[in-house]
């Protein structure tokens, strides 16, 4: 494990890069954490294998170029689940 700022400096001594994405899209792209793109570019520059490991539930049928798809949509948690039924009774 290294800091994000030191990625390019130590990439020449790395055997392979293994990442865990947030989601893997239908076209083979990934949604990763901040700084993942710079790590991938440094790995490509130094010809280091870049491996993406993700669980089956992280596969997404969405394509990133679909106009109706929004990956950064903010919504209220109440839209997803009823918070009153999840509330623990006070003692």
PDB file of N, CA and C in Angstrom:
ATOM      1  N   UNK A   1       0.847  -1.165   0.000  1.00  0.00           N
ATOM      2  CA  UNK A   1       0.000   0.000   0.000  1.00  0.00           C
ATOM      3  C   UNK A   1       0.898   1.236   0.000  1.00  0.00           C
ATOM      4  N   UNK A   2       0.580   2.163  -0.885  1.00  0.00           N
ATOM      5  CA  UNK A   2       1.349   3.403  -1.001  1.00  0.00           C
ATOM      6  C   UNK A   2       0.378   4.578  -1.091  1.00  0.00           C
ATOM      7  N   UNK A   3       0.879   5.753  -0.861  1.00  0.00           N
ATOM      8  CA  UNK A   3       0.060   6.965  -0.964  1.00  0.00           C
ATOM      9  C   UNK A   3      -0.231   7.283  -2.427  1.00  0.00           C
ATOM     10  N   UNK A   4      -1.335   7.984  -2.676  1.00  0.00           N
ATOM     11  CA  UNK A   4      -1.716   8.330  -4.049  1.00  0.00           C
ATOM     12  C   UNK A   4      -0.675   9.206  -4.732  1.00  0.00           C
ATOM     13  N   UNK A   5      -0.034  10.081  -3.970  1.00  0.00           N
ATOM     14  CA  UNK A   5       0.944  10.991  -4.550  1.00  0.00           C
ATOM     15  C   UNK A   5       2.221  10.275  -4.984  1.00  0.00           C
ATOM     16  N   UNK A   6       2.494   9.096  -4.452  1.00  0.00           N
ATOM     17  CA  UNK A   6       3.724   8.375  -4.760  1.00  0.00           C
ATOM     18  C   UNK A   6       3.523   7.257  -5.773  1.00  0.00           C
ATOM     19  N   UNK A   7       2.366   7.193  -6.397  1.00  0.00           N
ATOM     20  CA  UNK A   7       2.055   6.077  -7.306  1.00  0.00           C
ATOM     21  C   UNK A   7       3.015   6.027  -8.481  1.00  0.00           C
ATOM     22  N   UNK A   8       3.200   7.136  -9.156  1.00  0.00           N
ATOM     23  CA  UNK A   8       4.053   7.123 -10.354  1.00  0.00           C
ATOM     24  C   UNK A   8       5.507   6.869  -9.997  1.00  0.00           C
ATOM     25  N   UNK A   9       5.929   7.300  -8.827  1.00  0.00           N
ATOM     26  CA  UNK A   9       7.332   7.138  -8.437  1.00  0.00           C
ATOM     27  C   UNK A   9       7.686   5.683  -8.156  1.00  0.00           C
ATOM     28  N   UNK A  10       6.772   4.909  -7.620  1.00  0.00           N
ATOM     29  CA  UNK A  10       7.087   3.523  -7.260  1.00  0.00           C
ATOM     30  C   UNK A  10       6.535   2.504  -8.260  1.00  0.00           C
ATOM     31  N   UNK A  11       5.823   2.957  -9.291  1.00  0.00           N
ATOM     32  CA  UNK A  11       5.195   2.022 -10.229  1.00  0.00           C
ATOM     33  C   UNK A  11       6.225   1.174 -10.974  1.00  0.00           C
ATOM     34  N   UNK A  12       7.432   1.653 -11.160  1.00  0.00           N
ATOM     35  CA  UNK A  12       8.463   0.878 -11.860  1.00  0.00           C
ATOM     36  C   UNK A  12       8.885  -0.349 -11.055  1.00  0.00           C
ATOM     37  N   UNK A  13       8.677  -0.337  -9.757  1.00  0.00           N
ATOM     38  CA  UNK A  13       9.056  -1.467  -8.902  1.00  0.00           C
ATOM     39  C   UNK A  13       7.888  -2.373  -8.546  1.00  0.00           C
ATOM     40  N   UNK A  14       6.732  -2.142  -9.148  1.00  0.00           N
ATOM     41  CA  UNK A  14       5.527  -2.903  -8.836  1.00  0.00           C
ATOM     42  C   UNK A  14       5.358  -4.039  -9.834  1.00  0.00           C
ATOM     43  N   UNK A  15       4.951  -5.229  -9.351  1.00  0.00           N
ATOM     44  CA  UNK A  15       4.712  -6.379 -10.231  1.00  0.00           C
ATOM     45  C   UNK A  15       3.341  -6.323 -10.885  1.00  0.00           C
ATOM     46  N   UNK A  16       2.319  -5.953 -10.120  1.00  0.00           N
ATOM     47  CA  UNK A  16       0.963  -5.825 -10.649  1.00  0.00           C
ATOM     48  C   UNK A  16       0.148  -4.941  -9.728  1.00  0.00           C
ATOM     49  N   UNK A  17      -0.903  -4.351 -10.286  1.00  0.00           N
ATOM     50  CA  UNK A  17      -1.820  -3.506  -9.527  1.00  0.00           C
ATOM     51  C   UNK A  17      -3.146  -4.244  -9.419  1.00  0.00           C
ATOM     52  N   UNK A  18      -3.651  -4.399  -8.207  1.00  0.00           N
ATOM     53  CA  UNK A  18      -4.930  -5.066  -7.964  1.00  0.00           C
ATOM     54  C   UNK A  18      -5.853  -4.053  -7.297  1.00  0.00           C
ATOM     55  N   UNK A  19      -7.022  -3.828  -7.922  1.00  0.00           N
ATOM     56  CA  UNK A  19      -7.975  -2.871  -7.372  1.00  0.00           C
ATOM     57  C   UNK A  19      -9.322  -3.543  -7.139  1.00  0.00           C
ATOM     58  N   UNK A  20     -10.144  -2.932  -6.306  1.00  0.00           N
ATOM     59  CA  UNK A  20     -11.518  -3.374  -6.063  1.00  0.00           C
ATOM     60  C   UNK A  20     -12.446  -2.225  -6.449  1.00  0.00           C
ATOM     61  N   UNK A  21     -13.242  -2.364  -7.506  1.00  0.00           N
ATOM     62  CA  UNK A  21     -14.093  -1.266  -7.961  1.00  0.00           C
ATOM     63  C   UNK A  21     -15.390  -1.176  -7.153  1.00  0.00           C
ATOM     64  N   UNK A  22     -16.071  -0.024  -7.305  1.00  0.00           N
ATOM     65  CA  UNK A  22     -17.410   0.117  -6.729  1.00  0.00           C
ATOM     66  C   UNK A  22     -18.427  -0.607  -7.597  1.00  0.00           C
ATOM     67  N   UNK A  23     -18.239  -0.577  -8.916  1.00  0.00           N
ATOM     68  CA  UNK A  23     -19.135  -1.260  -9.850  1.00  0.00           C
ATOM     69  C   UNK A  23     -18.383  -1.530 -11.144  1.00  0.00           C
ATOM     70  N   UNK A  24     -18.791  -2.605 -11.832  1.00  0.00           N
ATOM     71  CA  UNK A  24     -18.244  -2.937 -13.145  1.00  0.00           C
ATOM     72  C   UNK A  24     -19.381  -2.835 -14.158  1.00  0.00           C
ATOM     73  N   UNK A  25     -19.217  -1.977 -15.161  1.00  0.00           N
ATOM     74  CA  UNK A  25     -20.275  -1.679 -16.111  1.00  0.00           C
ATOM     75  C   UNK A  25     -20.318  -2.680 -17.252  1.00  0.00           C
ATOM     76  N   UNK A  26     -21.391  -2.616 -18.038  1.00  0.00           N
ATOM     77  CA  UNK A  26     -21.631  -3.584 -19.101  1.00  0.00           C
ATOM     78  C   UNK A  26     -20.601  -3.510 -20.215  1.00  0.00           C
ATOM     79  N   UNK A  27     -19.978  -2.352 -20.421  1.00  0.00           N
ATOM     80  CA  UNK A  27     -18.999  -2.231 -21.503  1.00  0.00           C
ATOM     81  C   UNK A  27     -17.582  -2.567 -21.054  1.00  0.00           C
ATOM     82  N   UNK A  28     -17.409  -3.017 -19.818  1.00  0.00           N
ATOM     83  CA  UNK A  28     -16.095  -3.364 -19.309  1.00  0.00           C
ATOM     84  C   UNK A  28     -15.457  -2.261 -18.494  1.00  0.00           C
ATOM     85  N   UNK A  29     -16.071  -1.099 -18.453  1.00  0.00           N
ATOM     86  CA  UNK A  29     -15.564   0.002 -17.637  1.00  0.00           C
ATOM     87  C   UNK A  29     -15.859  -0.229 -16.171  1.00  0.00           C
ATOM     88  N   UNK A  30     -15.204   0.540 -15.331  1.00  0.00           N
ATOM     89  CA  UNK A  30     -15.432   0.410 -13.894  1.00  0.00           C
ATOM     90  C   UNK A  30     -15.728   1.773 -13.286  1.00  0.00           C
ATOM     91  N   UNK A  31     -16.417   1.747 -12.181  1.00  0.00           N
ATOM     92  CA  UNK A  31     -16.580   2.929 -11.343  1.00  0.00           C
ATOM     93  C   UNK A  31     -15.732   2.655 -10.121  1.00  0.00           C
ATOM     94  N   UNK A  32     -14.683   3.424  -9.957  1.00  0.00           N
ATOM     95  CA  UNK A  32     -13.739   3.208  -8.868  1.00  0.00           C
ATOM     96  C   UNK A  32     -13.666   4.397  -7.940  1.00  0.00           C
ATOM     97  N   UNK A  33     -12.805   4.288  -6.984  1.00  0.00           N
ATOM     98  CA  UNK A  33     -12.635   5.370  -6.025  1.00  0.00           C
ATOM     99  C   UNK A  33     -11.791   6.491  -6.629  1.00  0.00           C
ATOM    100  N   UNK A  34     -11.687   7.571  -5.916  1.00  0.00           N
ATOM    101  CA  UNK A  34     -10.938   8.735  -6.378  1.00  0.00           C
ATOM    102  C   UNK A  34      -9.462   8.364  -6.524  1.00  0.00           C
ATOM    103  N   UNK A  35      -8.851   8.739  -7.613  1.00  0.00           N
ATOM    104  CA  UNK A  35      -7.439   8.472  -7.850  1.00  0.00           C
ATOM    105  C   UNK A  35      -7.170   7.199  -8.618  1.00  0.00           C
ATOM    106  N   UNK A  36      -8.200   6.418  -8.906  1.00  0.00           N
ATOM    107  CA  UNK A  36      -8.013   5.154  -9.618  1.00  0.00           C
ATOM    108  C   UNK A  36      -7.546   5.372 -11.053  1.00  0.00           C
ATOM    109  N   UNK A  37      -8.005   6.457 -11.672  1.00  0.00           N
ATOM    110  CA  UNK A  37      -7.605   6.737 -13.054  1.00  0.00           C
ATOM    111  C   UNK A  37      -6.112   7.044 -13.145  1.00  0.00           C
ATOM    112  N   UNK A  38      -5.593   7.799 -12.206  1.00  0.00           N
ATOM    113  CA  UNK A  38      -4.155   8.109 -12.240  1.00  0.00           C
ATOM    114  C   UNK A  38      -3.312   6.862 -11.976  1.00  0.00           C
ATOM    115  N   UNK A  39      -3.810   5.948 -11.161  1.00  0.00           N
ATOM    116  CA  UNK A  39      -3.099   4.682 -10.931  1.00  0.00           C
ATOM    117  C   UNK A  39      -3.089   3.846 -12.207  1.00  0.00           C
ATOM    118  N   UNK A  40      -4.213   3.816 -12.912  1.00  0.00           N
ATOM    119  CA  UNK A  40      -4.298   3.058 -14.165  1.00  0.00           C
ATOM    120  C   UNK A  40      -3.381   3.651 -15.230  1.00  0.00           C
ATOM    121  N   UNK A  41      -3.308   4.976 -15.305  1.00  0.00           N
ATOM    122  CA  UNK A  41      -2.425   5.610 -16.285  1.00  0.00           C
ATOM    123  C   UNK A  41      -0.960   5.347 -15.972  1.00  0.00           C
ATOM    124  N   UNK A  42      -0.598   5.358 -14.696  1.00  0.00           N
ATOM    125  CA  UNK A  42       0.789   5.067 -14.314  1.00  0.00           C
ATOM    126  C   UNK A  42       1.134   3.608 -14.608  1.00  0.00           C
ATOM    127  N   UNK A  43       0.182   2.705 -14.385  1.00  0.00           N
ATOM    128  CA  UNK A  43       0.422   1.291 -14.680  1.00  0.00           C
ATOM    129  C   UNK A  43       0.591   1.067 -16.181  1.00  0.00           C
ATOM    130  N   UNK A  44      -0.208   1.754 -16.988  1.00  0.00           N
ATOM    131  CA  UNK A  44      -0.072   1.607 -18.438  1.00  0.00           C
ATOM    132  C   UNK A  44       1.263   2.169 -18.925  1.00  0.00           C
ATOM    133  N   UNK A  45       1.682   3.275 -18.364  1.00  0.00           N
ATOM    134  CA  UNK A  45       2.953   3.900 -18.754  1.00  0.00           C
ATOM    135  C   UNK A  45       4.144   2.992 -18.460  1.00  0.00           C
ATOM    136  N   UNK A  46       4.075   2.252 -17.338  1.00  0.00           N
ATOM    137  CA  UNK A  46       5.179   1.373 -16.936  1.00  0.00           C
ATOM    138  C   UNK A  46       4.946  -0.085 -17.353  1.00  0.00           C
ATOM    139  N   UNK A  47       3.905  -0.358 -18.135  1.00  0.00           N
ATOM    140  CA  UNK A  47       3.572  -1.705 -18.616  1.00  0.00           C
ATOM    141  C   UNK A  47       3.392  -2.690 -17.461  1.00  0.00           C
ATOM    142  N   UNK A  48       2.691  -2.257 -16.430  1.00  0.00           N
ATOM    143  CA  UNK A  48       2.400  -3.093 -15.265  1.00  0.00           C
ATOM    144  C   UNK A  48       0.981  -3.634 -15.420  1.00  0.00           C
ATOM    145  N   UNK A  49       0.753  -4.938 -15.217  1.00  0.00           N
ATOM    146  CA  UNK A  49      -0.605  -5.481 -15.309  1.00  0.00           C
ATOM    147  C   UNK A  49      -1.543  -4.816 -14.299  1.00  0.00           C
ATOM    148  N   UNK A  50      -2.747  -4.490 -14.760  1.00  0.00           N
ATOM    149  CA  UNK A  50      -3.759  -3.813 -13.953  1.00  0.00           C
ATOM    150  C   UNK A  50      -4.945  -4.754 -13.831  1.00  0.00           C
ATOM    151  N   UNK A  51      -5.179  -5.296 -12.638  1.00  0.00           N
ATOM    152  CA  UNK A  51      -6.204  -6.316 -12.420  1.00  0.00           C
ATOM    153  C   UNK A  51      -7.321  -5.724 -11.582  1.00  0.00           C
ATOM    154  N   UNK A  52      -8.547  -5.947 -12.024  1.00  0.00           N
ATOM    155  CA  UNK A  52      -9.730  -5.464 -11.316  1.00  0.00           C
ATOM    156  C   UNK A  52     -10.482  -6.671 -10.766  1.00  0.00           C
ATOM    157  N   UNK A  53     -10.568  -6.774  -9.441  1.00  0.00           N
ATOM    158  CA  UNK A  53     -11.268  -7.887  -8.795  1.00  0.00           C
ATOM    159  C   UNK A  53     -12.534  -7.372  -8.140  1.00  0.00           C
ATOM    160  N   UNK A  54     -13.654  -7.978  -8.491  1.00  0.00           N
ATOM    161  CA  UNK A  54     -14.930  -7.552  -7.906  1.00  0.00           C
ATOM    162  C   UNK A  54     -15.864  -8.728  -7.752  1.00  0.00           C
ATOM    163  N   UNK A  55     -16.731  -8.624  -6.783  1.00  0.00           N
ATOM    164  CA  UNK A  55     -17.715  -9.687  -6.541  1.00  0.00           C
ATOM    165  C   UNK A  55     -18.805  -9.653  -7.610  1.00  0.00           C
ATOM    166  N   UNK A  56     -19.564 -10.714  -7.690  1.00  0.00           N
ATOM    167  CA  UNK A  56     -20.602 -10.841  -8.705  1.00  0.00           C
ATOM    168  C   UNK A  56     -21.679  -9.775  -8.552  1.00  0.00           C
ATOM    169  N   UNK A  57     -21.971  -9.361  -7.321  1.00  0.00           N
ATOM    170  CA  UNK A  57     -23.014  -8.364  -7.111  1.00  0.00           C
ATOM    171  C   UNK A  57     -22.593  -6.961  -7.553  1.00  0.00           C
ATOM    172  N   UNK A  58     -21.349  -6.776  -7.907  1.00  0.00           N
ATOM    173  CA  UNK A  58     -20.881  -5.480  -8.385  1.00  0.00           C
ATOM    174  C   UNK A  58     -21.011  -5.331  -9.905  1.00  0.00           C
ATOM    175  N   UNK A  59     -21.444  -6.371 -10.603  1.00  0.00           N
ATOM    176  CA  UNK A  59     -21.680  -6.281 -12.042  1.00  0.00           C
ATOM    177  C   UNK A  59     -22.937  -5.464 -12.293  1.00  0.00           C
ATOM    178  N   UNK A  60     -22.857  -4.518 -13.221  1.00  0.00           N
ATOM    179  CA  UNK A  60     -23.983  -3.643 -13.526  1.00  0.00           C
ATOM    180  C   UNK A  60     -24.366  -3.791 -14.994  1.00  0.00           C
ATOM    181  N   UNK A  61     -25.657  -3.870 -15.308  1.00  0.00           N
ATOM    182  CA  UNK A  61     -26.073  -3.961 -16.715  1.00  0.00           C
ATOM    183  C   UNK A  61     -26.102  -2.611 -17.414  1.00  0.00           C
ATOM    184  N   UNK A  62     -25.709  -1.539 -16.741  1.00  0.00           N
ATOM    185  CA  UNK A  62     -25.785  -0.191 -17.301  1.00  0.00           C
ATOM    186  C   UNK A  62     -24.557   0.144 -18.136  1.00  0.00           C
ATOM    187  N   UNK A  63     -24.776   0.986 -19.131  1.00  0.00           N
ATOM    188  CA  UNK A  63     -23.689   1.536 -19.932  1.00  0.00           C
ATOM    189  C   UNK A  63     -23.461   2.978 -19.488  1.00  0.00           C
ATOM    190  N   UNK A  64     -22.228   3.466 -19.466  1.00  0.00           N
ATOM    191  CA  UNK A  64     -21.982   4.825 -18.981  1.00  0.00           C
ATOM    192  C   UNK A  64     -22.492   5.921 -19.906  1.00  0.00           C
ATOM    193  N   UNK A  65     -22.802   5.608 -21.160  1.00  0.00           N
ATOM    194  CA  UNK A  65     -23.223   6.626 -22.113  1.00  0.00           C
ATOM    195  C   UNK A  65     -24.738   6.696 -22.283  1.00  0.00           C
ATOM    196  N   UNK A  66     -25.510   5.972 -21.461  1.00  0.00           N
ATOM    197  CA  UNK A  66     -26.962   6.059 -21.528  1.00  0.00           C
ATOM    198  C   UNK A  66     -27.406   7.372 -20.884  1.00  0.00           C
ATOM    199  N   UNK A  67     -28.176   8.205 -21.582  1.00  0.00           N
ATOM    200  CA  UNK A  67     -28.531   9.513 -21.024  1.00  0.00           C
ATOM    201  C   UNK A  67     -29.427   9.436 -19.792  1.00  0.00           C
ATOM    202  N   UNK A  68     -30.205   8.384 -19.651  1.00  0.00           N
ATOM    203  CA  UNK A  68     -31.091   8.278 -18.489  1.00  0.00           C
ATOM    204  C   UNK A  68     -30.380   7.747 -17.244  1.00  0.00           C
ATOM    205  N   UNK A  69     -29.122   7.354 -17.387  1.00  0.00           N
ATOM    206  CA  UNK A  69     -28.356   6.824 -16.266  1.00  0.00           C
ATOM    207  C   UNK A  69     -27.634   7.963 -15.558  1.00  0.00           C
ATOM    208  N   UNK A  70     -27.846   8.048 -14.260  1.00  0.00           N
ATOM    209  CA  UNK A  70     -27.167   9.054 -13.447  1.00  0.00           C
ATOM    210  C   UNK A  70     -26.479   8.338 -12.294  1.00  0.00           C
ATOM    211  N   UNK A  71     -25.155   8.415 -12.236  1.00  0.00           N
ATOM    212  CA  UNK A  71     -24.411   7.727 -11.196  1.00  0.00           C
ATOM    213  C   UNK A  71     -24.239   8.587  -9.945  1.00  0.00           C
ATOM    214  N   UNK A  72     -24.492   9.876 -10.055  1.00  0.00           N
ATOM    215  CA  UNK A  72     -24.296  10.781  -8.924  1.00  0.00           C
ATOM    216  C   UNK A  72     -25.597  11.430  -8.508  1.00  0.00           C
ATOM    217  N   UNK A  73     -26.637  10.657  -8.406  1.00  0.00           N
ATOM    218  CA  UNK A  73     -27.938  11.189  -8.042  1.00  0.00           C
ATOM    219  C   UNK A  73     -28.094  11.160  -6.528  1.00  0.00           C
ATOM    220  N   UNK A  74     -28.433  12.296  -5.970  1.00  0.00           N
ATOM    221  CA  UNK A  74     -28.642  12.396  -4.536  1.00  0.00           C
ATOM    222  C   UNK A  74     -30.132  12.307  -4.242  1.00  0.00           C
ATOM    223  N   UNK A  75     -30.482  11.493  -3.262  1.00  0.00           N
ATOM    224  CA  UNK A  75     -31.883  11.304  -2.916  1.00  0.00           C
ATOM    225  C   UNK A  75     -32.014  11.124  -1.411  1.00  0.00           C
ATOM    226  N   UNK A  76     -33.209  11.292  -0.959  1.00  0.00           N
ATOM    227  CA  UNK A  76     -33.492  11.114   0.458  1.00  0.00           C
ATOM    228  C   UNK A  76     -33.531   9.625   0.785  1.00  0.00           C
ATOM    229  N   UNK A  77     -32.989   9.210   1.929  1.00  0.00           N
ATOM    230  CA  UNK A  77     -33.087   7.795   2.308  1.00  0.00           C
ATOM    231  C   UNK A  77     -34.526   7.339   2.498  1.00  0.00           C
ATOM    232  N   UNK A  78     -35.420   8.267   2.774  1.00  0.00           N
ATOM    233  CA  UNK A  78     -36.832   7.915   2.960  1.00  0.00           C
ATOM    234  C   UNK A  78     -37.458   7.422   1.664  1.00  0.00           C
ATOM    235  N   UNK A  79     -36.895   7.770   0.508  1.00  0.00           N
ATOM    236  CA  UNK A  79     -37.420   7.286  -0.764  1.00  0.00           C
ATOM    237  C   UNK A  79     -37.134   5.800  -0.943  1.00  0.00           C
ATOM    238  N   UNK A  80     -36.101   5.310  -0.291  1.00  0.00           N
ATOM    239  CA  UNK A  80     -35.690   3.917  -0.461  1.00  0.00           C
ATOM    240  C   UNK A  80     -36.358   3.002   0.566  1.00  0.00           C
ATOM    241  N   UNK A  81     -36.378   3.422   1.814  1.00  0.00           N
ATOM    242  CA  UNK A  81     -36.989   2.589   2.846  1.00  0.00           C
ATOM    243  C   UNK A  81     -37.760   3.474   3.822  1.00  0.00           C
ATOM    244  N   UNK A  82     -38.731   2.882   4.443  1.00  0.00           N
ATOM    245  CA  UNK A  82     -39.560   3.582   5.417  1.00  0.00           C
ATOM    246  C   UNK A  82     -38.802   3.643   6.738  1.00  0.00           C
ATOM    247  N   UNK A  83     -38.392   4.837   7.137  1.00  0.00           N
ATOM    248  CA  UNK A  83     -37.572   4.984   8.322  1.00  0.00           C
ATOM    249  C   UNK A  83     -38.348   4.758   9.608  1.00  0.00           C
ATOM    250  N   UNK A  84     -39.657   4.941   9.577  1.00  0.00           N
ATOM    251  CA  UNK A  84     -40.464   4.747  10.789  1.00  0.00           C
ATOM    252  C   UNK A  84     -40.526   3.271  11.176  1.00  0.00           C
ATOM    253  N   UNK A  85     -40.549   2.391  10.197  1.00  0.00           N
ATOM    254  CA  UNK A  85     -40.615   0.973  10.519  1.00  0.00           C
ATOM    255  C   UNK A  85     -39.259   0.437  10.974  1.00  0.00           C
ATOM    256  N   UNK A  86     -38.171   1.114  10.597  1.00  0.00           N
ATOM    257  CA  UNK A  86     -36.835   0.679  10.981  1.00  0.00           C
ATOM    258  C   UNK A  86     -36.385   1.228  12.324  1.00  0.00           C
ATOM    259  N   UNK A  87     -37.113   2.211  12.853  1.00  0.00           N
ATOM    260  CA  UNK A  87     -36.714   2.852  14.100  1.00  0.00           C
ATOM    261  C   UNK A  87     -36.814   1.873  15.263  1.00  0.00           C
ATOM    262  N   UNK A  88     -35.790   1.882  16.102  1.00  0.00           N
ATOM    263  CA  UNK A  88     -35.790   1.025  17.279  1.00  0.00           C
ATOM    264  C   UNK A  88     -36.629   1.667  18.370  1.00  0.00           C
ATOM    265  N   UNK A  89     -37.373   0.873  19.113  1.00  0.00           N
ATOM    266  CA  UNK A  89     -38.180   1.456  20.203  1.00  0.00           C
ATOM    267  C   UNK A  89     -37.272   1.959  21.320  1.00  0.00           C
ATOM    268  N   UNK A  90     -37.631   3.102  21.878  1.00  0.00           N
ATOM    269  CA  UNK A  90     -36.875   3.660  22.999  1.00  0.00           C
ATOM    270  C   UNK A  90     -37.240   2.955  24.273  1.00  0.00           C
ATOM    271  N   UNK A  91     -36.273   2.729  25.153  1.00  0.00           N
ATOM    272  CA  UNK A  91     -36.531   2.038  26.417  1.00  0.00           C
ATOM    273  C   UNK A  91     -36.643   2.999  27.536  1.00  0.00           C
TER     274      UNK A  91
END
